[in-house]
Amino acid sequence: MQADQMTQDTLVRRIERLERQNHTLRVAGTLAVLAGAAALFVGMSAPKKTLETDLLLIKDAAGTTRMIFGMADDGPAITMLDSNGKLRANIGVTDKGPEFDFLDASETPRIQMFIDDKQVPRVNLLDPKGTQVTFRP
């Protein structure tokens, strides 16, 4: 009977020790999950809705640059190129005002629209050599 009592006491002590270890592991596991969730939520802050750069190139599927958004020496500009990389249109804003140019396949300006120093809108039509042929206020 004495041996049975010792075996029973030993088993009770072992069970109590295992329960303490189990409790410690559950608390540690819960803390680890909470810490991981907190780190995840801190890292998931709202994405920025602004992109800041001096130059942005937009390329087609073939890798050819088709649009350039950037800052020129005299102000912001948007340049559009054809599939051969030739300049075909340009929009810019200078100290004088906005400008819009259309160019032919040889990159010669053919139409120019702008606002002059007196804030009058102007349209220039140019021949294939780039010589002004009409001027409209």
C-alpha atoms as a PDB file:
ATOM      1  CA  MET A   1       0.000   0.000   0.000  1.00  0.00           C
ATOM      2  CA  GLN A   2       2.910   2.274   0.806  1.00  0.00           C
ATOM      3  CA  ALA A   3       4.383   1.769  -2.688  1.00  0.00           C
ATOM      4  CA  ASP A   4       1.045   2.617  -4.262  1.00  0.00           C
ATOM      5  CA  GLN A   5       0.868   5.818  -2.225  1.00  0.00           C
ATOM      6  CA  MET A   6       4.396   6.833  -3.315  1.00  0.00           C
ATOM      7  CA  THR A   7       3.601   6.132  -6.960  1.00  0.00           C
ATOM      8  CA  GLN A   8       0.404   8.129  -6.660  1.00  0.00           C
ATOM      9  CA  ASP A   9       2.219  11.067  -4.982  1.00  0.00           C
ATOM     10  CA  THR A  10       4.921  10.960  -7.630  1.00  0.00           C
ATOM     11  CA  LEU A  11       2.314  10.999 -10.388  1.00  0.00           C
ATOM     12  CA  VAL A  12       0.470  13.917  -8.763  1.00  0.00           C
ATOM     13  CA  ARG A  13       3.710  15.950  -8.514  1.00  0.00           C
ATOM     14  CA  ARG A  14       4.574  15.185 -12.146  1.00  0.00           C
ATOM     15  CA  ILE A  15       1.103  16.181 -13.308  1.00  0.00           C
ATOM     16  CA  GLU A  16       1.266  19.432 -11.315  1.00  0.00           C
ATOM     17  CA  ARG A  17       4.680  20.218 -12.805  1.00  0.00           C
ATOM     18  CA  LEU A  18       3.412  19.476 -16.340  1.00  0.00           C
ATOM     19  CA  GLU A  19       0.368  21.704 -15.768  1.00  0.00           C
ATOM     20  CA  ARG A  20       2.632  24.585 -14.652  1.00  0.00           C
ATOM     21  CA  GLN A  21       4.835  24.094 -17.723  1.00  0.00           C
ATOM     22  CA  ASN A  22       1.766  23.932 -19.955  1.00  0.00           C
ATOM     23  CA  HIS A  23       0.408  27.154 -18.414  1.00  0.00           C
ATOM     24  CA  THR A  24       3.769  28.904 -18.925  1.00  0.00           C
ATOM     25  CA  LEU A  25       3.923  27.766 -22.556  1.00  0.00           C
ATOM     26  CA  ARG A  26       0.346  28.926 -23.215  1.00  0.00           C
ATOM     27  CA  VAL A  27       1.094  32.383 -21.774  1.00  0.00           C
ATOM     28  CA  ALA A  28       4.331  32.646 -23.775  1.00  0.00           C
ATOM     29  CA  GLY A  29       2.551  31.495 -26.959  1.00  0.00           C
ATOM     30  CA  THR A  30      -0.246  34.012 -26.463  1.00  0.00           C
ATOM     31  CA  LEU A  31       2.274  36.817 -25.940  1.00  0.00           C
ATOM     32  CA  ALA A  32       4.184  35.769 -29.068  1.00  0.00           C
ATOM     33  CA  VAL A  33       0.991  35.786 -31.171  1.00  0.00           C
ATOM     34  CA  LEU A  34      -0.004  39.205 -29.797  1.00  0.00           C
ATOM     35  CA  ALA A  35       3.481  40.616 -30.461  1.00  0.00           C
ATOM     36  CA  GLY A  36       3.402  39.263 -34.028  1.00  0.00           C
ATOM     37  CA  ALA A  37      -0.060  40.724 -34.647  1.00  0.00           C
ATOM     38  CA  ALA A  38       1.043  44.099 -33.261  1.00  0.00           C
ATOM     39  CA  ALA A  39       4.108  44.114 -35.514  1.00  0.00           C
ATOM     40  CA  LEU A  40       1.949  43.202 -38.499  1.00  0.00           C
ATOM     41  CA  PHE A  41      -0.544  45.985 -37.830  1.00  0.00           C
ATOM     42  CA  VAL A  42       2.179  48.560 -37.241  1.00  0.00           C
ATOM     43  CA  GLY A  43       3.750  47.589 -40.576  1.00  0.00           C
ATOM     44  CA  MET A  44       0.395  47.846 -42.343  1.00  0.00           C
ATOM     45  CA  SER A  45       0.047  51.606 -42.039  1.00  0.00           C
ATOM     46  CA  ALA A  46      -1.851  53.339 -44.820  1.00  0.00           C
ATOM     47  CA  PRO A  47       0.147  53.532 -48.057  1.00  0.00           C
ATOM     48  CA  LYS A  48       1.414  56.907 -49.228  1.00  0.00           C
ATOM     49  CA  LYS A  49      -0.717  58.464 -51.907  1.00  0.00           C
ATOM     50  CA  THR A  50       2.062  60.700 -53.204  1.00  0.00           C
ATOM     51  CA  LEU A  51       4.931  59.904 -55.473  1.00  0.00           C
ATOM     52  CA  GLU A  52       7.805  62.357 -55.496  1.00  0.00           C
ATOM     53  CA  THR A  53      10.414  62.348 -58.230  1.00  0.00           C
ATOM     54  CA  ASP A  54      12.229  64.677 -60.609  1.00  0.00           C
ATOM     55  CA  LEU A  55      11.686  62.466 -63.642  1.00  0.00           C
ATOM     56  CA  LEU A  56       9.142  59.771 -64.505  1.00  0.00           C
ATOM     57  CA  LEU A  57       9.469  57.627 -67.643  1.00  0.00           C
ATOM     58  CA  ILE A  58       6.445  55.724 -68.967  1.00  0.00           C
ATOM     59  CA  LYS A  59       7.380  52.793 -71.221  1.00  0.00           C
ATOM     60  CA  ASP A  60       5.316  50.595 -73.526  1.00  0.00           C
ATOM     61  CA  ALA A  61       5.281  46.784 -73.471  1.00  0.00           C
ATOM     62  CA  ALA A  62       8.393  46.703 -75.711  1.00  0.00           C
ATOM     63  CA  GLY A  63      10.344  48.827 -73.223  1.00  0.00           C
ATOM     64  CA  THR A  64      10.360  51.962 -75.392  1.00  0.00           C
ATOM     65  CA  THR A  65       9.958  55.240 -73.504  1.00  0.00           C
ATOM     66  CA  ARG A  66       6.687  56.816 -74.670  1.00  0.00           C
ATOM     67  CA  MET A  67       6.112  59.598 -72.112  1.00  0.00           C
ATOM     68  CA  ILE A  68       8.415  61.664 -69.941  1.00  0.00           C
ATOM     69  CA  PHE A  69       7.134  63.647 -66.979  1.00  0.00           C
ATOM     70  CA  GLY A  70       9.791  65.894 -65.565  1.00  0.00           C
ATOM     71  CA  MET A  71      11.155  69.219 -64.530  1.00  0.00           C
ATOM     72  CA  ALA A  72      12.991  71.140 -67.249  1.00  0.00           C
ATOM     73  CA  ASP A  73      15.230  74.108 -66.476  1.00  0.00           C
ATOM     74  CA  ASP A  74      12.355  76.507 -67.097  1.00  0.00           C
ATOM     75  CA  GLY A  75       9.468  74.502 -65.564  1.00  0.00           C
ATOM     76  CA  PRO A  76       7.490  71.255 -65.630  1.00  0.00           C
ATOM     77  CA  ALA A  77       7.067  69.374 -68.909  1.00  0.00           C
ATOM     78  CA  ILE A  78       5.269  66.357 -70.343  1.00  0.00           C
ATOM     79  CA  THR A  79       6.904  64.921 -73.439  1.00  0.00           C
ATOM     80  CA  MET A  80       5.247  62.301 -75.662  1.00  0.00           C
ATOM     81  CA  LEU A  81       7.203  60.094 -78.066  1.00  0.00           C
ATOM     82  CA  ASP A  82       6.111  57.792 -80.868  1.00  0.00           C
ATOM     83  CA  SER A  83       6.965  54.071 -81.054  1.00  0.00           C
ATOM     84  CA  ASN A  84      10.296  54.966 -82.712  1.00  0.00           C
ATOM     85  CA  GLY A  85      11.295  57.206 -79.787  1.00  0.00           C
ATOM     86  CA  LYS A  86      10.754  60.423 -81.788  1.00  0.00           C
ATOM     87  CA  LEU A  87       9.441  63.520 -80.024  1.00  0.00           C
ATOM     88  CA  ARG A  88       5.854  64.126 -81.198  1.00  0.00           C
ATOM     89  CA  ALA A  89       4.215  66.373 -78.583  1.00  0.00           C
ATOM     90  CA  ASN A  90       5.358  68.494 -75.694  1.00  0.00           C
ATOM     91  CA  ILE A  91       3.443  70.337 -72.983  1.00  0.00           C
ATOM     92  CA  GLY A  92       5.304  72.690 -70.718  1.00  0.00           C
ATOM     93  CA  VAL A  93       4.872  75.594 -68.356  1.00  0.00           C
ATOM     94  CA  THR A  94       7.510  78.318 -68.204  1.00  0.00           C
ATOM     95  CA  ASP A  95       7.679  81.684 -66.480  1.00  0.00           C
ATOM     96  CA  LYS A  96       5.977  83.112 -69.589  1.00  0.00           C
ATOM     97  CA  GLY A  97       3.068  80.651 -69.385  1.00  0.00           C
ATOM     98  CA  PRO A  98       1.892  77.323 -70.803  1.00  0.00           C
ATOM     99  CA  GLU A  99       3.124  75.979 -74.147  1.00  0.00           C
ATOM    100  CA  PHE A 100       1.971  73.085 -76.315  1.00  0.00           C
ATOM    101  CA  ASP A 101       3.944  71.848 -79.356  1.00  0.00           C
ATOM    102  CA  PHE A 102       3.060  69.217 -81.966  1.00  0.00           C
ATOM    103  CA  LEU A 103       5.962  67.833 -84.011  1.00  0.00           C
ATOM    104  CA  ASP A 104       6.067  65.801 -87.222  1.00  0.00           C
ATOM    105  CA  ALA A 105       7.897  62.470 -87.739  1.00  0.00           C
ATOM    106  CA  SER A 106      11.199  64.326 -88.295  1.00  0.00           C
ATOM    107  CA  GLU A 107      10.721  66.101 -84.932  1.00  0.00           C
ATOM    108  CA  THR A 108      10.121  69.477 -86.596  1.00  0.00           C
ATOM    109  CA  PRO A 109       7.584  71.658 -84.746  1.00  0.00           C
ATOM    110  CA  ARG A 110       4.425  72.037 -86.874  1.00  0.00           C
ATOM    111  CA  ILE A 111       1.905  73.542 -84.450  1.00  0.00           C
ATOM    112  CA  GLN A 112       2.668  75.699 -81.432  1.00  0.00           C
ATOM    113  CA  MET A 113       0.092  76.942 -78.952  1.00  0.00           C
ATOM    114  CA  PHE A 114       1.032  79.251 -76.123  1.00  0.00           C
ATOM    115  CA  ILE A 115       0.055  82.314 -74.129  1.00  0.00           C
ATOM    116  CA  ASP A 116       2.332  85.271 -74.774  1.00  0.00           C
ATOM    117  CA  ASP A 117       3.745  87.842 -72.341  1.00  0.00           C
ATOM    118  CA  LYS A 118       0.577  89.941 -72.655  1.00  0.00           C
ATOM    119  CA  GLN A 119      -1.549  86.882 -71.764  1.00  0.00           C
ATOM    120  CA  VAL A 120      -2.906  86.595 -75.308  1.00  0.00           C
ATOM    121  CA  PRO A 121      -3.354  83.039 -76.643  1.00  0.00           C
ATOM    122  CA  ARG A 122      -1.344  82.315 -79.809  1.00  0.00           C
ATOM    123  CA  VAL A 123      -1.325  79.528 -82.402  1.00  0.00           C
ATOM    124  CA  ASN A 124       1.562  79.152 -84.852  1.00  0.00           C
ATOM    125  CA  LEU A 125       1.463  76.821 -87.849  1.00  0.00           C
ATOM    126  CA  LEU A 126       4.873  75.945 -89.299  1.00  0.00           C
ATOM    127  CA  ASP A 127       6.000  74.404 -92.589  1.00  0.00           C
ATOM    128  CA  PRO A 128       8.167  71.244 -92.814  1.00  0.00           C
ATOM    129  CA  LYS A 129      11.290  73.374 -92.383  1.00  0.00           C
ATOM    130  CA  GLY A 130       9.961  74.848 -89.128  1.00  0.00           C
ATOM    131  CA  THR A 131       9.281  78.255 -90.666  1.00  0.00           C
ATOM    132  CA  GLN A 132       6.195  80.024 -89.366  1.00  0.00           C
ATOM    133  CA  VAL A 133       3.507  80.229 -92.054  1.00  0.00           C
ATOM    134  CA  THR A 134       0.572  81.515 -89.997  1.00  0.00           C
ATOM    135  CA  PHE A 135       0.187  83.293 -86.706  1.00  0.00           C
ATOM    136  CA  ARG A 136      -3.153  83.675 -85.019  1.00  0.00           C
ATOM    137  CA  PRO A 137      -3.883  85.817 -81.970  1.00  0.00           C
END
